Amino acid sequence: MNVSDEGNVRPAFLGPHEGRELELMLAGKKHLSYFFFEEGFEPDGFFPESQFDAAVAEGLLVKDERSERLVYREDGTQIDVRNVLYATADEAWRIPAMRMVQDIYAAMGPGWRPDLERMIGSLLGYDQQHVELFIERLAKQHG
């Protein structure tokens, strides 16, 4: 649940996980992390992929990644993106659950879906209160 705010002011409810995903996962306090970026972007600048991958090699985490081409419907621009999921080994079921939600979201066409955002927030381990604040924020942005 990463959303940049007007003026780059980060909402307080994003603080519990953002930038601390690996630490929280290794401590057993977070069970799924999601990263999304344009192909060719060096991810270590915003998440330590090599450190996550070391935890995968140790059997502590499970990794799943997808590369896909997105088309922005407004102007038809195409962009190649990579999205990466990491789950704690004992909660690996969260990866196929998240992929299913992402596939449903994509199949439904343009627009945002509060119900699916709630599922995503829950899978990522956010408190229900924080998920609802996030959804309120999206509602204001999408009118």
N, C-alpha and C. Protein backbone atom coordinates (compact mmCIF):
# COMPACT_ATOMS: atom_id res chain seq x y z
N MET A 1 0.83 -1.17 0.00
CA MET A 1 0.00 0.00 0.00
C MET A 1 0.88 1.24 0.00
N ASN A 2 1.43 1.53 -1.11
CA ASN A 2 2.28 2.70 -1.24
C ASN A 2 1.57 3.74 -2.07
N VAL A 3 1.34 4.90 -1.48
CA VAL A 3 0.70 5.98 -2.20
C VAL A 3 1.47 7.25 -1.88
N SER A 4 1.91 7.95 -2.92
CA SER A 4 2.53 9.24 -2.67
C SER A 4 1.43 10.27 -2.54
N ASP A 5 1.65 11.23 -1.71
CA ASP A 5 0.65 12.23 -1.39
C ASP A 5 0.99 13.54 -2.08
N GLU A 6 0.03 14.42 -2.16
CA GLU A 6 0.29 15.75 -2.68
C GLU A 6 1.41 16.37 -1.86
N GLY A 7 2.39 16.95 -2.53
CA GLY A 7 3.48 17.59 -1.83
C GLY A 7 4.42 16.62 -1.17
N ASN A 8 4.33 15.31 -1.52
CA ASN A 8 5.20 14.28 -0.95
C ASN A 8 5.09 14.15 0.55
N VAL A 9 3.95 14.50 1.13
CA VAL A 9 3.73 14.30 2.55
C VAL A 9 3.14 12.92 2.73
N ARG A 10 3.82 12.08 3.47
CA ARG A 10 3.37 10.71 3.65
C ARG A 10 2.33 10.64 4.76
N PRO A 11 1.17 10.04 4.48
CA PRO A 11 0.16 9.90 5.52
C PRO A 11 0.70 9.04 6.67
N ALA A 12 0.31 9.38 7.88
CA ALA A 12 0.82 8.68 9.06
C ALA A 12 0.52 7.19 9.03
N PHE A 13 -0.59 6.78 8.42
CA PHE A 13 -0.96 5.36 8.44
C PHE A 13 -0.10 4.50 7.53
N LEU A 14 0.74 5.10 6.69
CA LEU A 14 1.63 4.29 5.86
C LEU A 14 2.88 3.88 6.62
N GLY A 15 3.16 4.53 7.72
CA GLY A 15 4.40 4.32 8.45
C GLY A 15 4.67 2.94 9.01
N PRO A 16 3.66 2.17 9.40
CA PRO A 16 3.97 0.91 10.09
C PRO A 16 4.82 -0.07 9.30
N HIS A 17 4.73 -0.11 7.98
CA HIS A 17 5.46 -1.10 7.20
C HIS A 17 6.46 -0.50 6.23
N GLU A 18 6.15 0.64 5.67
CA GLU A 18 6.92 1.18 4.57
C GLU A 18 8.39 1.38 4.95
N GLY A 19 9.26 0.75 4.17
CA GLY A 19 10.69 0.85 4.42
C GLY A 19 11.21 -0.10 5.49
N ARG A 20 10.31 -0.84 6.13
CA ARG A 20 10.71 -1.76 7.19
C ARG A 20 10.25 -3.18 6.91
N GLU A 21 9.87 -3.44 5.67
CA GLU A 21 9.27 -4.73 5.34
C GLU A 21 10.15 -5.92 5.73
N LEU A 22 11.40 -5.89 5.33
CA LEU A 22 12.27 -7.03 5.61
C LEU A 22 12.45 -7.24 7.10
N GLU A 23 12.71 -6.17 7.81
CA GLU A 23 12.85 -6.24 9.27
C GLU A 23 11.61 -6.87 9.91
N LEU A 24 10.44 -6.41 9.51
CA LEU A 24 9.19 -6.92 10.07
C LEU A 24 8.95 -8.38 9.68
N MET A 25 9.30 -8.72 8.45
CA MET A 25 9.09 -10.10 8.00
C MET A 25 10.01 -11.06 8.77
N LEU A 26 11.26 -10.69 8.93
CA LEU A 26 12.19 -11.57 9.64
C LEU A 26 11.85 -11.70 11.11
N ALA A 27 11.16 -10.68 11.65
CA ALA A 27 10.71 -10.73 13.05
C ALA A 27 9.37 -11.45 13.19
N GLY A 28 8.77 -11.87 12.06
CA GLY A 28 7.48 -12.57 12.11
C GLY A 28 6.29 -11.66 12.34
N LYS A 29 6.47 -10.34 12.12
CA LYS A 29 5.39 -9.38 12.35
C LYS A 29 4.68 -8.96 11.07
N LYS A 30 5.20 -9.38 9.93
CA LYS A 30 4.60 -9.10 8.63
C LYS A 30 4.84 -10.34 7.78
N HIS A 31 3.82 -10.73 7.01
CA HIS A 31 3.94 -12.00 6.28
C HIS A 31 3.94 -11.87 4.77
N LEU A 32 3.71 -10.67 4.25
CA LEU A 32 3.71 -10.47 2.81
C LEU A 32 4.17 -9.06 2.50
N SER A 33 5.07 -8.92 1.53
CA SER A 33 5.51 -7.61 1.04
C SER A 33 5.38 -7.59 -0.47
N TYR A 34 5.07 -6.41 -0.99
CA TYR A 34 4.82 -6.24 -2.42
C TYR A 34 5.61 -5.04 -2.94
N PHE A 35 6.32 -5.25 -4.04
CA PHE A 35 7.10 -4.19 -4.67
C PHE A 35 6.76 -4.15 -6.15
N PHE A 36 6.63 -2.95 -6.68
CA PHE A 36 6.18 -2.73 -8.06
C PHE A 36 7.02 -1.60 -8.64
N PHE A 37 7.64 -1.84 -9.78
CA PHE A 37 8.47 -0.80 -10.38
C PHE A 37 8.65 -1.05 -11.86
N GLU A 38 9.09 -0.02 -12.56
CA GLU A 38 9.32 -0.11 -13.99
C GLU A 38 10.55 -0.96 -14.26
N GLU A 39 10.46 -1.82 -15.30
CA GLU A 39 11.60 -2.64 -15.71
C GLU A 39 12.81 -1.74 -15.95
N GLY A 40 13.98 -2.22 -15.57
CA GLY A 40 15.20 -1.46 -15.74
C GLY A 40 15.53 -0.58 -14.56
N PHE A 41 14.54 -0.36 -13.69
CA PHE A 41 14.78 0.43 -12.48
C PHE A 41 15.58 -0.41 -11.50
N GLU A 42 16.60 0.16 -10.88
CA GLU A 42 17.42 -0.57 -9.92
C GLU A 42 16.71 -0.61 -8.58
N PRO A 43 16.15 -1.76 -8.19
CA PRO A 43 15.30 -1.82 -7.00
C PRO A 43 16.02 -1.58 -5.68
N ASP A 44 17.33 -1.85 -5.60
CA ASP A 44 18.01 -1.66 -4.32
C ASP A 44 17.94 -0.22 -3.84
N GLY A 45 17.57 0.70 -4.72
CA GLY A 45 17.39 2.09 -4.31
C GLY A 45 16.19 2.29 -3.41
N PHE A 46 15.19 1.42 -3.50
CA PHE A 46 14.03 1.59 -2.63
C PHE A 46 13.63 0.32 -1.88
N PHE A 47 14.19 -0.79 -2.22
CA PHE A 47 14.06 -1.97 -1.37
C PHE A 47 15.27 -2.86 -1.59
N PRO A 48 15.77 -3.45 -0.52
CA PRO A 48 17.01 -4.23 -0.62
C PRO A 48 16.76 -5.64 -1.17
N GLU A 49 16.56 -5.74 -2.47
CA GLU A 49 16.20 -7.02 -3.08
C GLU A 49 17.23 -8.10 -2.76
N SER A 50 18.50 -7.76 -2.78
CA SER A 50 19.53 -8.78 -2.49
C SER A 50 19.41 -9.31 -1.07
N GLN A 51 19.00 -8.47 -0.13
CA GLN A 51 18.81 -8.94 1.24
C GLN A 51 17.57 -9.82 1.36
N PHE A 52 16.50 -9.43 0.66
CA PHE A 52 15.31 -10.28 0.63
C PHE A 52 15.66 -11.64 0.02
N ASP A 53 16.40 -11.61 -1.09
CA ASP A 53 16.76 -12.85 -1.77
C ASP A 53 17.66 -13.73 -0.91
N ALA A 54 18.49 -13.13 -0.08
CA ALA A 54 19.31 -13.92 0.85
C ALA A 54 18.42 -14.66 1.83
N ALA A 55 17.33 -14.02 2.28
CA ALA A 55 16.38 -14.68 3.19
C ALA A 55 15.63 -15.78 2.46
N VAL A 56 15.39 -15.61 1.15
CA VAL A 56 14.78 -16.67 0.35
C VAL A 56 15.74 -17.86 0.29
N ALA A 57 17.01 -17.61 0.04
CA ALA A 57 18.01 -18.68 -0.06
C ALA A 57 18.12 -19.46 1.26
N GLU A 58 17.87 -18.78 2.38
CA GLU A 58 17.91 -19.44 3.69
C GLU A 58 16.62 -20.18 4.00
N GLY A 59 15.60 -20.04 3.15
CA GLY A 59 14.33 -20.70 3.37
C GLY A 59 13.38 -19.95 4.30
N LEU A 60 13.73 -18.72 4.63
CA LEU A 60 12.89 -17.93 5.53
C LEU A 60 11.74 -17.26 4.78
N LEU A 61 11.99 -16.90 3.53
CA LEU A 61 10.98 -16.23 2.71
C LEU A 61 10.80 -16.99 1.40
N VAL A 62 9.67 -16.74 0.76
CA VAL A 62 9.34 -17.27 -0.56
C VAL A 62 9.15 -16.07 -1.47
N LYS A 63 9.61 -16.18 -2.71
CA LYS A 63 9.54 -15.06 -3.66
C LYS A 63 8.74 -15.45 -4.89
N ASP A 64 7.98 -14.49 -5.41
CA ASP A 64 7.29 -14.65 -6.67
C ASP A 64 7.39 -13.32 -7.40
N GLU A 65 7.69 -13.38 -8.69
CA GLU A 65 7.75 -12.13 -9.44
C GLU A 65 7.09 -12.28 -10.79
N ARG A 66 6.57 -11.17 -11.27
CA ARG A 66 5.93 -11.09 -12.57
C ARG A 66 6.49 -9.90 -13.31
N SER A 67 6.67 -10.09 -14.59
CA SER A 67 6.96 -8.97 -15.48
C SER A 67 5.79 -8.89 -16.44
N GLU A 68 5.33 -7.68 -16.69
CA GLU A 68 4.19 -7.52 -17.59
C GLU A 68 4.21 -6.16 -18.24
N ARG A 69 3.49 -6.05 -19.31
CA ARG A 69 3.34 -4.78 -20.01
C ARG A 69 1.98 -4.21 -19.65
N LEU A 70 2.00 -3.00 -19.14
CA LEU A 70 0.75 -2.31 -18.81
C LEU A 70 0.47 -1.27 -19.88
N VAL A 71 -0.79 -1.10 -20.19
CA VAL A 71 -1.22 -0.08 -21.14
C VAL A 71 -2.09 0.90 -20.37
N TYR A 72 -1.70 2.14 -20.39
CA TYR A 72 -2.51 3.18 -19.76
C TYR A 72 -3.60 3.58 -20.74
N ARG A 73 -4.82 3.36 -20.36
CA ARG A 73 -5.95 3.55 -21.25
C ARG A 73 -6.13 5.00 -21.71
N GLU A 74 -5.72 5.96 -20.89
CA GLU A 74 -5.93 7.36 -21.24
C GLU A 74 -5.23 7.71 -22.55
N ASP A 75 -3.96 7.31 -22.66
CA ASP A 75 -3.21 7.72 -23.85
C ASP A 75 -2.58 6.54 -24.61
N GLY A 76 -2.79 5.33 -24.14
CA GLY A 76 -2.26 4.15 -24.82
C GLY A 76 -0.79 3.87 -24.58
N THR A 77 -0.15 4.65 -23.72
CA THR A 77 1.25 4.43 -23.40
C THR A 77 1.44 3.05 -22.81
N GLN A 78 2.49 2.38 -23.25
CA GLN A 78 2.80 1.06 -22.70
C GLN A 78 4.04 1.17 -21.82
N ILE A 79 4.04 0.41 -20.75
CA ILE A 79 5.16 0.42 -19.83
C ILE A 79 5.41 -1.01 -19.35
N ASP A 80 6.65 -1.42 -19.33
CA ASP A 80 7.00 -2.74 -18.82
C ASP A 80 7.32 -2.61 -17.34
N VAL A 81 6.65 -3.42 -16.55
CA VAL A 81 6.81 -3.34 -15.10
C VAL A 81 7.18 -4.71 -14.54
N ARG A 82 7.73 -4.67 -13.38
CA ARG A 82 8.07 -5.88 -12.63
C ARG A 82 7.43 -5.74 -11.27
N ASN A 83 6.73 -6.77 -10.82
CA ASN A 83 6.23 -6.73 -9.46
C ASN A 83 6.66 -7.99 -8.74
N VAL A 84 7.05 -7.79 -7.50
CA VAL A 84 7.68 -8.85 -6.71
C VAL A 84 6.93 -8.99 -5.39
N LEU A 85 6.63 -10.23 -5.06
CA LEU A 85 6.01 -10.55 -3.77
C LEU A 85 6.98 -11.42 -2.97
N TYR A 86 7.06 -11.13 -1.69
CA TYR A 86 7.79 -11.98 -0.75
C TYR A 86 6.83 -12.34 0.37
N ALA A 87 6.84 -13.61 0.76
CA ALA A 87 6.03 -14.06 1.89
C ALA A 87 6.93 -14.84 2.84
N THR A 88 6.56 -14.81 4.11
CA THR A 88 7.26 -15.68 5.04
C THR A 88 6.93 -17.12 4.65
N ALA A 89 7.87 -18.02 4.86
CA ALA A 89 7.70 -19.41 4.39
C ALA A 89 6.43 -20.04 4.95
N ASP A 90 6.10 -19.76 6.21
CA ASP A 90 4.92 -20.38 6.82
C ASP A 90 3.61 -19.71 6.39
N GLU A 91 3.68 -18.60 5.67
CA GLU A 91 2.49 -17.90 5.18
C GLU A 91 2.54 -17.75 3.66
N ALA A 92 3.20 -18.69 3.00
CA ALA A 92 3.38 -18.61 1.54
C ALA A 92 2.05 -18.59 0.79
N TRP A 93 0.97 -19.07 1.39
CA TRP A 93 -0.34 -19.06 0.75
C TRP A 93 -0.77 -17.64 0.36
N ARG A 94 -0.19 -16.64 1.01
CA ARG A 94 -0.56 -15.26 0.72
C ARG A 94 -0.18 -14.85 -0.71
N ILE A 95 0.87 -15.47 -1.26
CA ILE A 95 1.29 -15.12 -2.62
C ILE A 95 0.22 -15.50 -3.65
N PRO A 96 -0.24 -16.75 -3.72
CA PRO A 96 -1.30 -17.03 -4.70
C PRO A 96 -2.59 -16.28 -4.40
N ALA A 97 -2.86 -16.00 -3.13
CA ALA A 97 -4.06 -15.21 -2.80
C ALA A 97 -3.93 -13.80 -3.36
N MET A 98 -2.77 -13.20 -3.21
CA MET A 98 -2.55 -11.85 -3.73
C MET A 98 -2.59 -11.86 -5.26
N ARG A 99 -1.99 -12.85 -5.88
CA ARG A 99 -2.02 -12.92 -7.34
C ARG A 99 -3.45 -13.07 -7.85
N MET A 100 -4.27 -13.82 -7.14
CA MET A 100 -5.66 -13.97 -7.54
C MET A 100 -6.38 -12.63 -7.46
N VAL A 101 -6.17 -11.89 -6.38
CA VAL A 101 -6.80 -10.58 -6.24
C VAL A 101 -6.31 -9.64 -7.35
N GLN A 102 -5.02 -9.67 -7.63
CA GLN A 102 -4.48 -8.82 -8.71
C GLN A 102 -5.09 -9.19 -10.06
N ASP A 103 -5.24 -10.47 -10.32
CA ASP A 103 -5.83 -10.92 -11.59
C ASP A 103 -7.29 -10.49 -11.70
N ILE A 104 -8.04 -10.59 -10.61
CA ILE A 104 -9.43 -10.14 -10.61
C ILE A 104 -9.49 -8.64 -10.87
N TYR A 105 -8.64 -7.90 -10.18
CA TYR A 105 -8.58 -6.44 -10.36
C TYR A 105 -8.35 -6.11 -11.84
N ALA A 106 -7.35 -6.75 -12.45
CA ALA A 106 -7.01 -6.48 -13.85
C ALA A 106 -8.16 -6.85 -14.79
N ALA A 107 -8.83 -7.95 -14.50
CA ALA A 107 -9.92 -8.42 -15.37
C ALA A 107 -11.13 -7.50 -15.33
N MET A 108 -11.27 -6.74 -14.26
CA MET A 108 -12.44 -5.88 -14.10
C MET A 108 -12.31 -4.56 -14.86
N GLY A 109 -11.16 -4.31 -15.45
CA GLY A 109 -10.98 -3.09 -16.22
C GLY A 109 -10.60 -1.90 -15.36
N PRO A 110 -10.63 -0.71 -15.95
CA PRO A 110 -10.16 0.48 -15.25
C PRO A 110 -11.00 0.79 -14.02
N GLY A 111 -10.36 1.48 -13.10
CA GLY A 111 -11.04 1.89 -11.87
C GLY A 111 -10.46 1.20 -10.66
N TRP A 112 -10.78 1.72 -9.52
CA TRP A 112 -10.30 1.13 -8.28
C TRP A 112 -11.47 0.49 -7.57
N ARG A 113 -11.20 -0.52 -6.79
CA ARG A 113 -12.24 -1.32 -6.13
C ARG A 113 -11.99 -1.37 -4.63
N PRO A 114 -12.78 -0.67 -3.84
CA PRO A 114 -12.57 -0.66 -2.38
C PRO A 114 -12.56 -2.06 -1.78
N ASP A 115 -13.41 -2.96 -2.27
CA ASP A 115 -13.46 -4.31 -1.72
C ASP A 115 -12.14 -5.05 -1.96
N LEU A 116 -11.59 -4.91 -3.16
CA LEU A 116 -10.32 -5.56 -3.45
C LEU A 116 -9.16 -4.88 -2.71
N GLU A 117 -9.24 -3.56 -2.54
CA GLU A 117 -8.21 -2.86 -1.76
C GLU A 117 -8.21 -3.36 -0.31
N ARG A 118 -9.39 -3.66 0.22
CA ARG A 118 -9.46 -4.21 1.59
C ARG A 118 -8.77 -5.57 1.65
N MET A 119 -8.99 -6.39 0.64
CA MET A 119 -8.34 -7.70 0.62
C MET A 119 -6.82 -7.56 0.51
N ILE A 120 -6.37 -6.66 -0.35
CA ILE A 120 -4.94 -6.43 -0.50
C ILE A 120 -4.33 -5.94 0.82
N GLY A 121 -4.97 -4.98 1.44
CA GLY A 121 -4.47 -4.47 2.72
C GLY A 121 -4.40 -5.55 3.78
N SER A 122 -5.40 -6.39 3.81
CA SER A 122 -5.42 -7.50 4.77
C SER A 122 -4.30 -8.49 4.49
N LEU A 123 -4.12 -8.86 3.23
CA LEU A 123 -3.04 -9.78 2.87
C LEU A 123 -1.67 -9.21 3.22
N LEU A 124 -1.52 -7.90 3.07
CA LEU A 124 -0.24 -7.25 3.38
C LEU A 124 -0.02 -7.07 4.89
N GLY A 125 -1.06 -7.34 5.67
CA GLY A 125 -0.91 -7.31 7.12
C GLY A 125 -1.20 -5.98 7.78
N TYR A 126 -1.86 -5.07 7.08
CA TYR A 126 -2.19 -3.80 7.68
C TYR A 126 -3.38 -3.95 8.63
N ASP A 127 -3.41 -3.14 9.68
CA ASP A 127 -4.56 -3.11 10.59
C ASP A 127 -5.78 -2.65 9.80
N GLN A 128 -6.94 -3.17 10.16
CA GLN A 128 -8.17 -2.82 9.48
C GLN A 128 -8.41 -1.30 9.48
N GLN A 129 -8.08 -0.67 10.59
CA GLN A 129 -8.24 0.79 10.68
C GLN A 129 -7.37 1.51 9.64
N HIS A 130 -6.14 1.05 9.47
CA HIS A 130 -5.26 1.67 8.48
C HIS A 130 -5.76 1.41 7.06
N VAL A 131 -6.29 0.23 6.83
CA VAL A 131 -6.85 -0.09 5.51
C VAL A 131 -8.00 0.86 5.20
N GLU A 132 -8.87 1.08 6.16
CA GLU A 132 -10.01 1.97 5.93
C GLU A 132 -9.56 3.41 5.69
N LEU A 133 -8.53 3.87 6.38
CA LEU A 133 -7.98 5.21 6.13
C LEU A 133 -7.42 5.30 4.72
N PHE A 134 -6.74 4.25 4.29
CA PHE A 134 -6.19 4.20 2.94
C PHE A 134 -7.32 4.27 1.91
N ILE A 135 -8.39 3.54 2.13
CA ILE A 135 -9.52 3.53 1.21
C ILE A 135 -10.20 4.89 1.17
N GLU A 136 -10.34 5.53 2.33
CA GLU A 136 -10.90 6.89 2.36
C GLU A 136 -10.06 7.83 1.51
N ARG A 137 -8.77 7.69 1.60
CA ARG A 137 -7.84 8.52 0.84
C ARG A 137 -8.01 8.27 -0.67
N LEU A 138 -8.11 7.00 -1.06
CA LEU A 138 -8.34 6.67 -2.47
C LEU A 138 -9.66 7.23 -2.96
N ALA A 139 -10.67 7.14 -2.13
CA ALA A 139 -12.00 7.65 -2.52
C ALA A 139 -11.92 9.15 -2.82
N LYS A 140 -11.17 9.90 -2.03
CA LYS A 140 -11.03 11.33 -2.28
C LYS A 140 -10.26 11.59 -3.57
N GLN A 141 -9.26 10.75 -3.87
CA GLN A 141 -8.47 10.93 -5.08
C GLN A 141 -9.25 10.56 -6.33
N HIS A 142 -10.12 9.58 -6.22
CA HIS A 142 -10.85 9.08 -7.39
C HIS A 142 -12.26 9.63 -7.51
N GLY A 143 -12.64 10.47 -6.57
CA GLY A 143 -13.94 11.12 -6.62
C GLY A 143 -15.06 10.24 -6.53
